[in-house]
Amino acid sequence: MLSFERQTKTMQILKQRGSVRISELSELFGVSEMTIRRDFEKLEKQGYLVRNHGGASLNPQGSIDVTFNIRNQENVSEKDTIARTAASMVKNGDTIMMDAGTTTTAMARYLENKKDLVVLTNSLTVAQELNNKVGITVILTGGNLRGNTLSLVGSLAEEIIHRFNVNKAFIGTNGISVDQGLTNANIYESEAKKAMIKIASKSIVLADSSKFNKASFNSFSLLNQIDMIITDKYAPRGMVNQLRELGIEVIIAI
């Protein structure tokens, strides 16, 4: 088992139970206690857990991933192009899911003049952009607020998402890798994204070229679970071809 996989499993256990002992993980993974301590040290630096005597507990403050305002200033032109292309795929009468993120927030700005559109979202910024737009009904999931990303996550958010079926889900990601699939920095956001993919007839990933050939902390989807990726003209051609060979429609926004 790779360290990435071991640490992901450790976080899944912590999410379920709240705490875990070093000796237990050492036996479960078949590695030394020193290896588990190194895993704990790395995860603590990333803000996911708090070490204690003989074990660790889940950090209630979540991770230290980059804030929404900082990400909103990165790759602005590319995100805007992707957002416009994504919005053009929304038809009158659609029921869609919009993930939290800077690109989906930009996409919301281009949903003017849509009729009888229902938008389910876990994003405060998406909901704010769509507020008072004629012809659009917005359903906000509820859940625990993550200040860094202004997203609603947790069991309540996941439960509400599962109550719906949507034509299309527009989903963000921190990384796309042929080996790791789609990844995210926060396990709670990853669980919400899994739910979004499950309820959608068509799952569409919005990812600028900086996300390609990168893997973040937690995998939330295999590549064969998504239908389309919308990216920008700087996406690496080699990986774009690999994705297309896997049967994924890749749209280069221009």
Protein backbone atom coordinates (compact mmCIF):
# COMPACT_ATOMS: atom_id res chain seq x y z
CA MET A 1 0.00 0.00 0.00
CA LEU A 2 1.35 3.42 -1.00
CA SER A 3 1.67 6.15 1.63
CA PHE A 4 -1.00 8.19 -0.21
CA GLU A 5 -3.47 5.28 0.03
CA ARG A 6 -2.58 4.60 3.67
CA GLN A 7 -3.11 8.23 4.65
CA THR A 8 -6.41 8.37 2.79
CA LYS A 9 -7.64 5.29 4.65
CA THR A 10 -6.45 6.81 7.93
CA MET A 11 -8.56 9.90 7.26
CA GLN A 12 -11.59 7.76 6.42
CA ILE A 13 -11.24 6.00 9.78
CA LEU A 14 -10.86 9.31 11.60
CA LYS A 15 -13.95 10.72 9.89
CA GLN A 16 -15.98 7.70 11.00
CA ARG A 17 -14.67 7.40 14.55
CA GLY A 18 -13.04 10.70 15.49
CA SER A 19 -9.82 9.12 16.79
CA VAL A 20 -7.49 6.19 16.21
CA ARG A 21 -4.44 4.62 17.88
CA ILE A 22 -1.00 4.17 16.29
CA SER A 23 -0.80 0.50 17.26
CA GLU A 24 -4.15 -0.21 15.59
CA LEU A 25 -3.10 1.33 12.26
CA SER A 26 0.29 -0.36 12.42
CA GLU A 27 -1.42 -3.74 12.62
CA LEU A 28 -4.09 -2.85 10.03
CA PHE A 29 -1.60 -1.68 7.39
CA GLY A 30 1.23 -4.07 8.24
CA VAL A 31 3.78 -1.28 8.76
CA SER A 32 5.87 -0.09 11.70
CA GLU A 33 4.55 2.32 14.30
CA MET A 34 7.27 4.74 13.21
CA THR A 35 5.72 4.78 9.71
CA ILE A 36 2.33 5.62 11.19
CA ARG A 37 3.90 8.40 13.27
CA ARG A 38 5.39 9.88 10.09
CA ASP A 39 1.95 9.69 8.46
CA PHE A 40 0.45 11.48 11.47
CA GLU A 41 3.13 14.15 11.34
CA LYS A 42 2.40 14.86 7.67
CA LEU A 43 -1.38 14.89 8.17
CA GLU A 44 -1.07 17.17 11.18
CA LYS A 45 1.02 19.67 9.19
CA GLN A 46 -1.72 19.65 6.55
CA GLY A 47 -4.27 20.44 9.24
CA TYR A 48 -6.27 17.20 9.06
CA LEU A 49 -5.60 15.73 12.51
CA VAL A 50 -4.22 16.46 15.96
CA ARG A 51 -1.65 14.06 17.43
CA ASN A 52 -1.98 12.89 21.01
CA HIS A 53 -0.31 10.27 23.21
CA GLY A 54 -0.47 6.97 21.35
CA GLY A 55 -2.75 8.14 18.57
CA ALA A 56 -4.53 11.02 16.86
CA SER A 57 -7.93 12.67 16.61
CA LEU A 58 -9.69 14.45 13.77
CA ASN A 59 -8.99 18.18 13.57
CA PRO A 60 -12.41 19.86 13.88
CA GLN A 61 -11.08 22.88 11.98
CA GLY A 62 -10.57 20.85 8.78
CA SER A 63 -7.62 21.42 6.48
CA ILE A 64 -5.37 24.35 5.66
CA ASP A 65 -6.17 24.40 1.96
CA VAL A 66 -6.02 27.66 0.03
CA THR A 67 -8.84 30.09 0.69
CA PHE A 68 -11.52 30.95 -1.86
CA ASN A 69 -10.32 34.55 -2.22
CA ILE A 70 -6.77 33.46 -3.06
CA ARG A 71 -7.91 30.83 -5.58
CA ASN A 72 -10.28 33.35 -7.12
CA GLN A 73 -7.23 35.36 -8.23
CA GLU A 74 -5.51 32.42 -9.95
CA ASN A 75 -5.84 31.58 -13.69
CA VAL A 76 -8.69 34.08 -13.98
CA SER A 77 -8.81 34.19 -17.78
CA GLU A 78 -8.76 30.40 -18.16
CA LYS A 79 -11.47 29.91 -15.54
CA ASP A 80 -13.66 32.52 -17.19
CA THR A 81 -13.38 30.80 -20.58
CA ILE A 82 -14.22 27.43 -19.01
CA ALA A 83 -17.15 28.99 -17.13
CA ARG A 84 -18.68 30.45 -20.30
CA THR A 85 -18.38 27.15 -22.13
CA ALA A 86 -19.95 25.25 -19.22
CA ALA A 87 -22.85 27.71 -18.99
CA SER A 88 -23.57 27.26 -22.70
CA MET A 89 -24.31 23.59 -22.02
CA VAL A 90 -27.17 24.42 -19.64
CA LYS A 91 -30.56 24.30 -21.35
CA ASN A 92 -33.92 25.79 -20.39
CA GLY A 93 -35.76 23.41 -18.07
CA ASP A 94 -32.60 21.71 -16.81
CA THR A 95 -32.09 20.60 -13.23
CA ILE A 96 -28.39 20.93 -12.41
CA MET A 97 -25.96 20.50 -9.52
CA MET A 98 -23.26 23.14 -9.07
CA ASP A 99 -20.29 22.35 -6.86
CA ALA A 100 -18.51 24.94 -4.74
CA GLY A 101 -15.49 26.58 -6.34
CA THR A 102 -14.16 29.59 -8.16
CA THR A 103 -14.89 28.24 -11.65
CA THR A 104 -18.46 27.22 -10.85
CA THR A 105 -18.99 30.64 -9.27
CA ALA A 106 -17.79 32.24 -12.50
CA MET A 107 -20.12 29.92 -14.42
CA ALA A 108 -23.09 31.13 -12.37
CA ARG A 109 -22.55 34.64 -13.73
CA TYR A 110 -23.22 33.36 -17.26
CA LEU A 111 -26.55 31.72 -16.48
CA GLU A 112 -28.57 34.81 -17.32
CA ASN A 113 -31.71 34.42 -19.42
CA LYS A 114 -32.23 30.74 -18.60
CA LYS A 115 -35.84 29.69 -18.15
CA ASP A 116 -37.25 27.15 -15.68
CA LEU A 117 -33.77 26.27 -14.43
CA VAL A 118 -33.37 24.55 -11.05
CA VAL A 119 -29.91 24.74 -9.45
CA LEU A 120 -28.93 22.60 -6.46
CA THR A 121 -25.69 23.82 -4.89
CA ASN A 122 -23.55 23.55 -1.77
CA SER A 123 -21.82 26.85 -2.56
CA LEU A 124 -22.63 30.13 -0.87
CA THR A 125 -20.97 32.07 -3.68
CA VAL A 126 -22.89 30.25 -6.43
CA ALA A 127 -26.16 30.86 -4.57
CA GLN A 128 -25.28 34.53 -4.16
CA GLU A 129 -24.51 34.92 -7.88
CA LEU A 130 -27.81 33.29 -8.85
CA ASN A 131 -29.91 35.16 -6.31
CA ASN A 132 -32.67 37.23 -7.93
CA LYS A 133 -31.97 35.90 -11.43
CA VAL A 134 -35.37 35.55 -13.11
CA GLY A 135 -36.21 32.02 -14.21
CA ILE A 136 -33.78 30.27 -11.85
CA THR A 137 -34.76 28.41 -8.67
CA VAL A 138 -31.85 27.90 -6.27
CA ILE A 139 -31.77 25.11 -3.67
CA LEU A 140 -28.97 25.43 -1.10
CA THR A 141 -28.06 22.13 0.53
CA GLY A 142 -27.38 23.20 4.08
CA GLY A 143 -24.63 21.54 6.09
CA ASN A 144 -21.44 22.56 7.87
CA LEU A 145 -19.80 25.71 6.47
CA ARG A 146 -16.15 25.50 5.42
CA GLY A 147 -14.83 29.03 5.61
CA ASN A 148 -11.88 28.42 3.28
CA THR A 149 -14.06 27.43 0.33
CA LEU A 150 -17.44 28.87 1.38
CA SER A 151 -18.92 25.42 0.82
CA LEU A 152 -21.49 23.41 2.77
CA VAL A 153 -20.35 19.89 3.61
CA GLY A 154 -20.93 17.05 6.04
CA SER A 155 -23.63 14.44 6.52
CA LEU A 156 -26.52 16.91 6.20
CA ALA A 157 -25.24 18.27 2.87
CA GLU A 158 -24.70 14.73 1.55
CA GLU A 159 -28.16 13.61 2.70
CA ILE A 160 -29.86 16.51 0.93
CA ILE A 161 -27.88 15.99 -2.28
CA HIS A 162 -28.99 12.35 -2.35
CA ARG A 163 -32.65 13.41 -2.29
CA PHE A 164 -32.41 14.82 -5.82
CA ASN A 165 -31.73 13.67 -9.36
CA VAL A 166 -30.18 16.15 -11.80
CA ASN A 167 -29.54 16.29 -15.54
CA LYS A 168 -26.00 17.59 -15.15
CA ALA A 169 -23.52 18.08 -12.32
CA PHE A 170 -20.76 20.67 -12.72
CA ILE A 171 -17.91 19.70 -10.42
CA GLY A 172 -14.56 21.24 -9.50
CA THR A 173 -11.36 19.42 -8.58
CA ASN A 174 -7.93 20.19 -7.14
CA GLY A 175 -6.23 17.62 -9.34
CA ILE A 176 -6.69 15.26 -12.29
CA SER A 177 -4.41 12.24 -12.59
CA VAL A 178 -4.69 9.16 -14.78
CA ASP A 179 -3.59 7.03 -11.82
CA GLN A 180 -5.45 8.77 -8.96
CA GLY A 181 -8.48 10.09 -10.84
CA LEU A 182 -10.08 13.24 -9.42
CA THR A 183 -8.71 14.49 -6.11
CA ASN A 184 -9.46 17.16 -3.53
CA ALA A 185 -7.63 18.64 -0.55
CA ASN A 186 -10.47 18.10 1.94
CA ILE A 187 -12.14 14.80 2.75
CA TYR A 188 -15.50 16.40 3.60
CA GLU A 189 -15.66 18.17 0.25
CA SER A 190 -14.69 14.91 -1.45
CA GLU A 191 -17.66 13.12 0.09
CA ALA A 192 -20.00 15.85 -1.16
CA LYS A 193 -18.53 15.56 -4.67
CA LYS A 194 -19.06 11.78 -4.63
CA ALA A 195 -22.73 12.38 -3.86
CA MET A 196 -23.02 14.89 -6.72
CA ILE A 197 -21.63 12.41 -9.25
CA LYS A 198 -24.00 9.72 -8.01
CA ILE A 199 -27.18 11.76 -8.58
CA ALA A 200 -26.25 13.17 -12.00
CA SER A 201 -27.17 11.78 -15.40
CA LYS A 202 -24.07 13.54 -16.73
CA SER A 203 -21.03 14.56 -14.66
CA ILE A 204 -19.01 17.46 -16.04
CA VAL A 205 -15.68 18.45 -14.47
CA LEU A 206 -14.47 22.05 -14.73
CA ALA A 207 -10.68 22.14 -14.45
CA ASP A 208 -8.14 24.63 -15.73
CA SER A 209 -4.82 23.31 -17.05
CA SER A 210 -3.02 23.84 -13.73
CA LYS A 211 -4.99 20.89 -12.29
CA PHE A 212 -3.70 18.34 -14.83
CA ASN A 213 -1.18 15.66 -13.81
CA LYS A 214 -1.68 16.59 -10.17
CA ALA A 215 -3.03 14.58 -7.25
CA SER A 216 -4.32 16.17 -4.07
CA PHE A 217 -4.91 14.45 -0.73
CA ASN A 218 -8.17 12.59 -1.25
CA SER A 219 -9.52 10.77 -4.32
CA PHE A 220 -13.25 11.26 -4.88
CA SER A 221 -13.83 9.75 -8.33
CA LEU A 222 -12.33 7.37 -10.84
CA LEU A 223 -12.04 8.78 -14.33
CA ASN A 224 -14.55 6.27 -15.71
CA GLN A 225 -17.23 7.76 -13.45
CA ILE A 226 -17.28 11.10 -15.25
CA ASP A 227 -18.55 12.02 -18.70
CA MET A 228 -16.82 15.26 -19.66
CA ILE A 229 -13.96 17.57 -18.70
CA ILE A 230 -13.95 21.22 -19.75
CA THR A 231 -10.49 22.79 -19.66
CA ASP A 232 -8.44 25.50 -21.34
CA LYS A 233 -6.07 25.56 -24.31
CA TYR A 234 -3.00 25.07 -22.11
CA ALA A 235 -4.01 21.58 -20.95
CA PRO A 236 -1.20 19.08 -21.72
CA ARG A 237 -1.97 17.40 -25.05
CA GLY A 238 -0.60 14.05 -23.97
CA MET A 239 -2.97 13.77 -21.03
CA VAL A 240 -5.90 15.14 -23.03
CA ASN A 241 -5.35 12.32 -25.53
CA GLN A 242 -5.12 9.77 -22.71
CA LEU A 243 -8.43 10.97 -21.28
CA ARG A 244 -10.11 10.76 -24.66
CA GLU A 245 -8.79 7.23 -25.13
CA LEU A 246 -10.50 6.37 -21.84
CA GLY A 247 -13.81 7.50 -23.33
CA ILE A 248 -14.02 10.89 -21.62
CA GLU A 249 -15.15 13.82 -23.73
CA VAL A 250 -12.62 16.63 -23.29
CA ILE A 251 -13.74 20.10 -24.35
CA ILE A 252 -11.08 22.77 -24.89
CA ALA A 253 -12.74 26.09 -24.07
CA ILE A 254 -11.71 28.96 -26.34
